[in-house]
């Protein structure tokens, strides 16, 4: 049988942990697992942790369902894909069983990916067609979309031929100034062509710009 003083000490510790938990939740949402990690750092026992978690759940002070809804709304606002959503939920230590309840909505993925693509095209507007597609594709993958959705979004991206040639001319001038300092003649020409090809320009357009046909 526990002494009266011991019981009082246990209750005091739980009350202290509960107060600390409330204070933490005022600053940001916290999953059950994250809260457990927080209390472990306060040298709480498993029994104390469970008592505090149950108390937080009882009064709906900690609510993973609401937390998940908030994260989904945030991802919708940012036009993030399903993979990014899952990554954020896992990083916030949302329970695995709760995450598994979230299914992938293909219609939602395409809609948000297209919206994000519009923004990305503006961000990379100074790129030629190939590099524009590369940059938008990579950004979509980073935003949580799979390769199929990203490919669909970039397949029809292009800039006008006039803008493409103007960019080619500018890049050619920059590369010419660097290459001509070290190389001459045929070797210089080959190096310039290789660099421009690596930037995504068509070989026929490159040759025309170098020979000043366009």
C-alpha atoms as a PDB file:
ATOM      1  CA  UNK A   1       0.000   0.000   0.000  1.00  0.00           C
ATOM      2  CA  UNK A   2       1.327   3.457  -1.027  1.00  0.00           C
ATOM      3  CA  UNK A   3       1.947   6.073   1.588  1.00  0.00           C
ATOM      4  CA  UNK A   4      -0.213   9.177   1.499  1.00  0.00           C
ATOM      5  CA  UNK A   5       2.822  11.376   0.782  1.00  0.00           C
ATOM      6  CA  UNK A   6       3.783   9.186  -2.220  1.00  0.00           C
ATOM      7  CA  UNK A   7       0.290   9.472  -3.706  1.00  0.00           C
ATOM      8  CA  UNK A   8       0.394  13.255  -3.295  1.00  0.00           C
ATOM      9  CA  UNK A   9       3.792  13.341  -5.031  1.00  0.00           C
ATOM     10  CA  UNK A  10       2.477  11.320  -8.013  1.00  0.00           C
ATOM     11  CA  UNK A  11      -0.557  13.545  -8.421  1.00  0.00           C
ATOM     12  CA  UNK A  12       1.640  16.634  -8.279  1.00  0.00           C
ATOM     13  CA  UNK A  13       3.921  15.278 -11.010  1.00  0.00           C
ATOM     14  CA  UNK A  14       1.002  14.468 -13.297  1.00  0.00           C
ATOM     15  CA  UNK A  15      -0.516  17.896 -12.722  1.00  0.00           C
ATOM     16  CA  UNK A  16       2.854  19.465 -13.532  1.00  0.00           C
ATOM     17  CA  UNK A  17       3.186  17.452 -16.759  1.00  0.00           C
ATOM     18  CA  UNK A  18      -0.383  18.289 -17.710  1.00  0.00           C
ATOM     19  CA  UNK A  19       0.276  22.017 -17.225  1.00  0.00           C
ATOM     20  CA  UNK A  20       3.475  21.811 -19.299  1.00  0.00           C
ATOM     21  CA  UNK A  21       1.576  19.988 -22.039  1.00  0.00           C
ATOM     22  CA  UNK A  22      -1.113  22.676 -22.125  1.00  0.00           C
ATOM     23  CA  UNK A  23       1.562  25.361 -22.391  1.00  0.00           C
ATOM     24  CA  UNK A  24       3.216  23.520 -25.294  1.00  0.00           C
ATOM     25  CA  UNK A  25      -0.083  23.112 -27.131  1.00  0.00           C
ATOM     26  CA  UNK A  26      -0.742  26.849 -26.893  1.00  0.00           C
ATOM     27  CA  UNK A  27       2.187  27.454 -29.239  1.00  0.00           C
ATOM     28  CA  UNK A  28       1.457  24.713 -31.792  1.00  0.00           C
ATOM     29  CA  UNK A  29      -0.536  21.560 -32.431  1.00  0.00           C
ATOM     30  CA  UNK A  30       1.091  18.372 -31.296  1.00  0.00           C
ATOM     31  CA  UNK A  31       0.397  14.719 -32.057  1.00  0.00           C
ATOM     32  CA  UNK A  32       0.092  12.108 -29.325  1.00  0.00           C
ATOM     33  CA  UNK A  33       3.492  10.644 -30.218  1.00  0.00           C
ATOM     34  CA  UNK A  34       5.156  14.070 -30.191  1.00  0.00           C
ATOM     35  CA  UNK A  35       3.603  14.793 -26.810  1.00  0.00           C
ATOM     36  CA  UNK A  36       4.925  11.494 -25.463  1.00  0.00           C
ATOM     37  CA  UNK A  37       8.418  12.417 -26.670  1.00  0.00           C
ATOM     38  CA  UNK A  38       8.054  15.807 -24.972  1.00  0.00           C
ATOM     39  CA  UNK A  39       7.126  14.252 -21.631  1.00  0.00           C
ATOM     40  CA  UNK A  40       9.907  11.654 -21.839  1.00  0.00           C
ATOM     41  CA  UNK A  41      12.364  14.551 -21.975  1.00  0.00           C
ATOM     42  CA  UNK A  42      10.794  15.706 -18.689  1.00  0.00           C
ATOM     43  CA  UNK A  43      11.744  12.341 -17.132  1.00  0.00           C
ATOM     44  CA  UNK A  44       8.132  11.172 -16.992  1.00  0.00           C
ATOM     45  CA  UNK A  45       7.434   7.461 -16.518  1.00  0.00           C
ATOM     46  CA  UNK A  46       5.287   5.472 -18.958  1.00  0.00           C
ATOM     47  CA  UNK A  47       2.457   5.431 -16.426  1.00  0.00           C
ATOM     48  CA  UNK A  48       2.632   9.195 -15.944  1.00  0.00           C
ATOM     49  CA  UNK A  49       2.738   9.777 -19.693  1.00  0.00           C
ATOM     50  CA  UNK A  50      -0.324   7.602 -20.266  1.00  0.00           C
ATOM     51  CA  UNK A  51      -2.227   9.351 -17.488  1.00  0.00           C
ATOM     52  CA  UNK A  52      -1.506  12.781 -18.980  1.00  0.00           C
ATOM     53  CA  UNK A  53      -2.331  11.672 -22.548  1.00  0.00           C
ATOM     54  CA  UNK A  54      -5.641  10.215 -21.376  1.00  0.00           C
ATOM     55  CA  UNK A  55      -6.425  13.460 -19.600  1.00  0.00           C
ATOM     56  CA  UNK A  56      -5.596  15.497 -22.721  1.00  0.00           C
ATOM     57  CA  UNK A  57      -7.813  13.240 -24.832  1.00  0.00           C
ATOM     58  CA  UNK A  58     -10.620  13.282 -22.304  1.00  0.00           C
ATOM     59  CA  UNK A  59     -10.934  17.056 -22.516  1.00  0.00           C
ATOM     60  CA  UNK A  60     -10.238  17.118 -26.292  1.00  0.00           C
ATOM     61  CA  UNK A  61      -7.179  19.270 -25.679  1.00  0.00           C
ATOM     62  CA  UNK A  62      -5.183  17.105 -28.056  1.00  0.00           C
ATOM     63  CA  UNK A  63      -7.055  16.029 -31.178  1.00  0.00           C
ATOM     64  CA  UNK A  64      -5.240  14.306 -34.027  1.00  0.00           C
ATOM     65  CA  UNK A  65      -8.318  14.348 -36.263  1.00  0.00           C
ATOM     66  CA  UNK A  66      -8.470  18.147 -36.124  1.00  0.00           C
ATOM     67  CA  UNK A  67      -4.719  18.329 -36.580  1.00  0.00           C
ATOM     68  CA  UNK A  68      -4.932  16.189 -39.731  1.00  0.00           C
ATOM     69  CA  UNK A  69      -7.748  18.368 -41.125  1.00  0.00           C
ATOM     70  CA  UNK A  70      -5.608  21.451 -40.534  1.00  0.00           C
ATOM     71  CA  UNK A  71      -2.606  19.918 -42.323  1.00  0.00           C
ATOM     72  CA  UNK A  72      -4.782  18.819 -45.263  1.00  0.00           C
ATOM     73  CA  UNK A  73      -6.172  22.370 -45.551  1.00  0.00           C
ATOM     74  CA  UNK A  74      -2.631  23.761 -45.484  1.00  0.00           C
ATOM     75  CA  UNK A  75      -1.546  21.359 -48.262  1.00  0.00           C
ATOM     76  CA  UNK A  76      -4.594  22.329 -50.328  1.00  0.00           C
ATOM     77  CA  UNK A  77      -3.725  26.014 -49.907  1.00  0.00           C
ATOM     78  CA  UNK A  78      -0.098  25.389 -50.964  1.00  0.00           C
ATOM     79  CA  UNK A  79      -1.184  23.023 -53.784  1.00  0.00           C
ATOM     80  CA  UNK A  80       0.948  20.203 -52.375  1.00  0.00           C
ATOM     81  CA  UNK A  81       0.532  16.660 -53.650  1.00  0.00           C
ATOM     82  CA  UNK A  82      -0.391  13.500 -51.769  1.00  0.00           C
ATOM     83  CA  UNK A  83       3.238  12.441 -51.187  1.00  0.00           C
ATOM     84  CA  UNK A  84       4.037  15.785 -49.537  1.00  0.00           C
ATOM     85  CA  UNK A  85       0.907  15.525 -47.382  1.00  0.00           C
ATOM     86  CA  UNK A  86       1.926  12.083 -46.135  1.00  0.00           C
ATOM     87  CA  UNK A  87       5.486  13.287 -45.517  1.00  0.00           C
ATOM     88  CA  UNK A  88       4.231  16.190 -43.362  1.00  0.00           C
ATOM     89  CA  UNK A  89       1.874  13.931 -41.400  1.00  0.00           C
ATOM     90  CA  UNK A  90       4.665  11.436 -40.733  1.00  0.00           C
ATOM     91  CA  UNK A  91       7.094  14.196 -39.719  1.00  0.00           C
ATOM     92  CA  UNK A  92       4.491  15.475 -37.228  1.00  0.00           C
ATOM     93  CA  UNK A  93       4.289  11.927 -35.821  1.00  0.00           C
ATOM     94  CA  UNK A  94       0.605  11.414 -36.617  1.00  0.00           C
ATOM     95  CA  UNK A  95      -0.313   7.815 -35.842  1.00  0.00           C
ATOM     96  CA  UNK A  96       0.185   5.331 -38.669  1.00  0.00           C
ATOM     97  CA  UNK A  97      -3.398   4.067 -38.404  1.00  0.00           C
ATOM     98  CA  UNK A  98      -4.695   7.630 -38.831  1.00  0.00           C
ATOM     99  CA  UNK A  99      -2.492   8.267 -41.869  1.00  0.00           C
ATOM    100  CA  UNK A 100      -3.637   5.031 -43.507  1.00  0.00           C
ATOM    101  CA  UNK A 101      -7.198   6.380 -43.453  1.00  0.00           C
ATOM    102  CA  UNK A 102      -6.235   9.109 -45.949  1.00  0.00           C
ATOM    103  CA  UNK A 103      -6.691   7.871 -49.495  1.00  0.00           C
ATOM    104  CA  UNK A 104      -5.221   9.418 -52.632  1.00  0.00           C
ATOM    105  CA  UNK A 105      -7.694  11.462 -54.668  1.00  0.00           C
ATOM    106  CA  UNK A 106      -6.544  11.428 -58.304  1.00  0.00           C
ATOM    107  CA  UNK A 107      -8.912  14.216 -59.338  1.00  0.00           C
ATOM    108  CA  UNK A 108      -7.629  16.413 -56.534  1.00  0.00           C
ATOM    109  CA  UNK A 109      -4.011  15.644 -57.494  1.00  0.00           C
ATOM    110  CA  UNK A 110      -4.463  16.744 -61.107  1.00  0.00           C
ATOM    111  CA  UNK A 111      -6.413  19.869 -60.166  1.00  0.00           C
ATOM    112  CA  UNK A 112      -3.871  21.109 -57.626  1.00  0.00           C
ATOM    113  CA  UNK A 113      -0.885  20.121 -59.773  1.00  0.00           C
ATOM    114  CA  UNK A 114      -2.237  22.204 -62.653  1.00  0.00           C
ATOM    115  CA  UNK A 115      -2.767  25.183 -60.356  1.00  0.00           C
ATOM    116  CA  UNK A 116       0.780  24.891 -59.037  1.00  0.00           C
ATOM    117  CA  UNK A 117       2.109  24.508 -62.590  1.00  0.00           C
ATOM    118  CA  UNK A 118       0.736  27.953 -63.493  1.00  0.00           C
ATOM    119  CA  UNK A 119       2.708  29.492 -60.635  1.00  0.00           C
ATOM    120  CA  UNK A 120       5.858  27.547 -61.511  1.00  0.00           C
ATOM    121  CA  UNK A 121       5.754  28.643 -65.158  1.00  0.00           C
ATOM    122  CA  UNK A 122       5.827  32.266 -63.978  1.00  0.00           C
ATOM    123  CA  UNK A 123       8.680  31.479 -61.587  1.00  0.00           C
ATOM    124  CA  UNK A 124      10.826  29.951 -64.338  1.00  0.00           C
ATOM    125  CA  UNK A 125       9.692  32.249 -67.160  1.00  0.00           C
ATOM    126  CA  UNK A 126      13.277  33.085 -68.151  1.00  0.00           C
ATOM    127  CA  UNK A 127      14.067  29.472 -69.087  1.00  0.00           C
ATOM    128  CA  UNK A 128      13.958  27.933 -72.541  1.00  0.00           C
ATOM    129  CA  UNK A 129      11.345  25.260 -73.266  1.00  0.00           C
ATOM    130  CA  UNK A 130      13.437  22.253 -72.206  1.00  0.00           C
ATOM    131  CA  UNK A 131      14.727  23.848 -69.001  1.00  0.00           C
ATOM    132  CA  UNK A 132      11.291  25.240 -68.218  1.00  0.00           C
ATOM    133  CA  UNK A 133       9.850  21.741 -68.397  1.00  0.00           C
ATOM    134  CA  UNK A 134      12.740  20.322 -66.341  1.00  0.00           C
ATOM    135  CA  UNK A 135      12.379  22.908 -63.594  1.00  0.00           C
ATOM    136  CA  UNK A 136       8.586  22.636 -63.391  1.00  0.00           C
ATOM    137  CA  UNK A 137       8.775  18.828 -63.371  1.00  0.00           C
ATOM    138  CA  UNK A 138      11.344  18.817 -60.539  1.00  0.00           C
ATOM    139  CA  UNK A 139       9.332  21.354 -58.539  1.00  0.00           C
ATOM    140  CA  UNK A 140       6.170  19.260 -58.889  1.00  0.00           C
ATOM    141  CA  UNK A 141       7.998  16.180 -57.644  1.00  0.00           C
ATOM    142  CA  UNK A 142       9.322  18.160 -54.661  1.00  0.00           C
ATOM    143  CA  UNK A 143       5.768  19.376 -53.999  1.00  0.00           C
ATOM    144  CA  UNK A 144       4.633  15.775 -53.577  1.00  0.00           C
ATOM    145  CA  UNK A 145       3.273  14.725 -56.975  1.00  0.00           C
ATOM    146  CA  UNK A 146       4.162  11.453 -58.649  1.00  0.00           C
ATOM    147  CA  UNK A 147       5.977  11.284 -62.001  1.00  0.00           C
ATOM    148  CA  UNK A 148       2.829  10.515 -64.002  1.00  0.00           C
ATOM    149  CA  UNK A 149       1.004  13.630 -62.787  1.00  0.00           C
ATOM    150  CA  UNK A 150       4.126  15.790 -63.176  1.00  0.00           C
ATOM    151  CA  UNK A 151       4.647  14.514 -66.736  1.00  0.00           C
ATOM    152  CA  UNK A 152       1.053  15.316 -67.684  1.00  0.00           C
ATOM    153  CA  UNK A 153       1.459  18.872 -66.404  1.00  0.00           C
ATOM    154  CA  UNK A 154       4.686  19.646 -68.278  1.00  0.00           C
ATOM    155  CA  UNK A 155       3.952  17.847 -71.553  1.00  0.00           C
ATOM    156  CA  UNK A 156       2.373  20.889 -73.216  1.00  0.00           C
ATOM    157  CA  UNK A 157       4.611  23.579 -71.719  1.00  0.00           C
ATOM    158  CA  UNK A 158       6.504  25.625 -74.295  1.00  0.00           C
ATOM    159  CA  UNK A 159       7.573  29.165 -75.091  1.00  0.00           C
ATOM    160  CA  UNK A 160       7.386  30.934 -78.448  1.00  0.00           C
ATOM    161  CA  UNK A 161      10.069  30.226 -81.046  1.00  0.00           C
ATOM    162  CA  UNK A 162      11.023  33.905 -81.009  1.00  0.00           C
ATOM    163  CA  UNK A 163      11.606  33.894 -77.248  1.00  0.00           C
ATOM    164  CA  UNK A 164      13.516  30.624 -77.530  1.00  0.00           C
ATOM    165  CA  UNK A 165      15.907  32.104 -80.099  1.00  0.00           C
ATOM    166  CA  UNK A 166      16.377  35.291 -78.095  1.00  0.00           C
ATOM    167  CA  UNK A 167      17.341  33.219 -75.035  1.00  0.00           C
ATOM    168  CA  UNK A 168      19.658  31.136 -77.190  1.00  0.00           C
ATOM    169  CA  UNK A 169      21.401  34.257 -78.459  1.00  0.00           C
ATOM    170  CA  UNK A 170      21.911  35.588 -74.941  1.00  0.00           C
ATOM    171  CA  UNK A 171      23.270  32.258 -73.668  1.00  0.00           C
ATOM    172  CA  UNK A 172      25.519  31.993 -76.733  1.00  0.00           C
ATOM    173  CA  UNK A 173      27.017  35.434 -76.019  1.00  0.00           C
ATOM    174  CA  UNK A 174      27.722  34.487 -72.391  1.00  0.00           C
ATOM    175  CA  UNK A 175      29.268  31.151 -73.322  1.00  0.00           C
ATOM    176  CA  UNK A 176      31.265  32.695 -76.191  1.00  0.00           C
ATOM    177  CA  UNK A 177      32.928  35.189 -73.813  1.00  0.00           C
ATOM    178  CA  UNK A 178      33.983  32.393 -71.431  1.00  0.00           C
ATOM    179  CA  UNK A 179      35.047  29.801 -73.986  1.00  0.00           C
ATOM    180  CA  UNK A 180      36.934  32.206 -76.282  1.00  0.00           C
ATOM    181  CA  UNK A 181      39.293  33.112 -73.411  1.00  0.00           C
ATOM    182  CA  UNK A 182      40.694  29.566 -73.335  1.00  0.00           C
ATOM    183  CA  UNK A 183      39.919  27.958 -76.685  1.00  0.00           C
ATOM    184  CA  UNK A 184      40.058  28.891 -80.358  1.00  0.00           C
ATOM    185  CA  UNK A 185      38.746  27.646 -83.672  1.00  0.00           C
ATOM    186  CA  UNK A 186      37.070  24.273 -83.982  1.00  0.00           C
ATOM    187  CA  UNK A 187      37.590  23.294 -80.343  1.00  0.00           C
ATOM    188  CA  UNK A 188      35.975  26.529 -79.140  1.00  0.00           C
ATOM    189  CA  UNK A 189      33.002  25.994 -81.466  1.00  0.00           C
ATOM    190  CA  UNK A 190      32.480  22.386 -80.305  1.00  0.00           C
ATOM    191  CA  UNK A 191      32.605  23.396 -76.654  1.00  0.00           C
ATOM    192  CA  UNK A 192      30.065  26.171 -77.208  1.00  0.00           C
ATOM    193  CA  UNK A 193      27.737  23.820 -79.068  1.00  0.00           C
ATOM    194  CA  UNK A 194      28.008  21.159 -76.331  1.00  0.00           C
ATOM    195  CA  UNK A 195      27.194  23.660 -73.590  1.00  0.00           C
ATOM    196  CA  UNK A 196      24.205  25.044 -75.464  1.00  0.00           C
ATOM    197  CA  UNK A 197      22.905  21.544 -76.198  1.00  0.00           C
ATOM    198  CA  UNK A 198      23.197  20.716 -72.477  1.00  0.00           C
ATOM    199  CA  UNK A 199      21.008  23.761 -71.801  1.00  0.00           C
ATOM    200  CA  UNK A 200      18.262  22.230 -73.927  1.00  0.00           C
ATOM    201  CA  UNK A 201      18.597  24.106 -77.204  1.00  0.00           C
ATOM    202  CA  UNK A 202      18.129  22.381 -80.566  1.00  0.00           C
ATOM    203  CA  UNK A 203      21.319  21.732 -82.509  1.00  0.00           C
ATOM    204  CA  UNK A 204      19.945  23.263 -85.734  1.00  0.00           C
ATOM    205  CA  UNK A 205      19.047  26.502 -83.936  1.00  0.00           C
ATOM    206  CA  UNK A 206      22.449  26.599 -82.249  1.00  0.00           C
ATOM    207  CA  UNK A 207      24.293  26.309 -85.568  1.00  0.00           C
ATOM    208  CA  UNK A 208      22.137  29.037 -87.102  1.00  0.00           C
ATOM    209  CA  UNK A 209      22.825  31.396 -84.210  1.00  0.00           C
ATOM    210  CA  UNK A 210      26.569  30.704 -84.311  1.00  0.00           C
ATOM    211  CA  UNK A 211      26.695  31.316 -88.081  1.00  0.00           C
ATOM    212  CA  UNK A 212      24.379  34.333 -87.638  1.00  0.00           C
ATOM    213  CA  UNK A 213      21.724  32.888 -89.966  1.00  0.00           C
ATOM    214  CA  UNK A 214      19.070  33.949 -87.461  1.00  0.00           C
END
